[in-house]
């Protein structure tokens, strides 16, 4: 435990925050991708 903390910047709370941020960003990206795919399909069916 002491070794990890002596690294200075290691902080479980910060890591949890960053993980949540990453997960949220990934979720948003996935939604955007699916929306793009739907738009593409619509264009294809019209053409």
Protein backbone atom coordinates (compact mmCIF):
# COMPACT_ATOMS: atom_id res chain seq x y z
CA UNK A 1 0.00 0.00 0.00
CA UNK A 2 2.71 2.47 1.00
CA UNK A 3 4.63 1.85 -2.22
CA UNK A 4 1.67 2.76 -4.40
CA UNK A 5 0.92 5.91 -2.41
CA UNK A 6 4.57 7.00 -2.52
CA UNK A 7 4.12 7.35 -6.29
CA UNK A 8 2.44 10.61 -5.43
CA UNK A 9 -0.24 10.86 -8.11
CA UNK A 10 -1.85 7.48 -7.40
CA UNK A 11 -5.27 8.21 -5.94
CA UNK A 12 -8.20 5.76 -6.04
CA UNK A 13 -10.78 8.55 -6.04
CA UNK A 14 -9.21 10.20 -9.08
CA UNK A 15 -8.99 6.86 -10.86
CA UNK A 16 -12.68 6.20 -10.21
CA UNK A 17 -13.58 9.65 -11.60
CA UNK A 18 -11.49 9.07 -14.72
CA UNK A 19 -13.03 5.62 -15.24
CA UNK A 20 -16.54 7.08 -15.03
CA UNK A 21 -15.59 9.85 -17.46
CA UNK A 22 -14.17 7.34 -19.93
CA UNK A 23 -17.23 5.11 -19.67
CA UNK A 24 -19.55 8.07 -20.23
CA UNK A 25 -17.54 9.26 -23.22
CA UNK A 26 -17.54 5.76 -24.68
CA UNK A 27 -21.30 5.51 -24.23
CA UNK A 28 -21.82 8.84 -25.99
CA UNK A 29 -19.54 7.79 -28.84
CA UNK A 30 -21.44 4.53 -29.26
CA UNK A 31 -24.76 6.40 -29.44
CA UNK A 32 -23.35 8.79 -32.02
CA UNK A 33 -22.02 5.89 -34.08
CA UNK A 34 -25.39 4.13 -34.11
CA UNK A 35 -27.10 7.37 -35.13
CA UNK A 36 -24.65 7.78 -38.00
CA UNK A 37 -25.25 4.19 -39.08
CA UNK A 38 -29.03 4.76 -39.09
CA UNK A 39 -28.62 7.91 -41.20
CA UNK A 40 -26.39 6.02 -43.65
CA UNK A 41 -28.96 3.23 -43.99
CA UNK A 42 -31.75 5.74 -44.60
CA UNK A 43 -29.74 7.41 -47.37
CA UNK A 44 -28.99 4.04 -48.93
CA UNK A 45 -32.64 2.98 -48.98
CA UNK A 46 -33.69 6.32 -50.50
CA UNK A 47 -31.02 6.07 -53.21
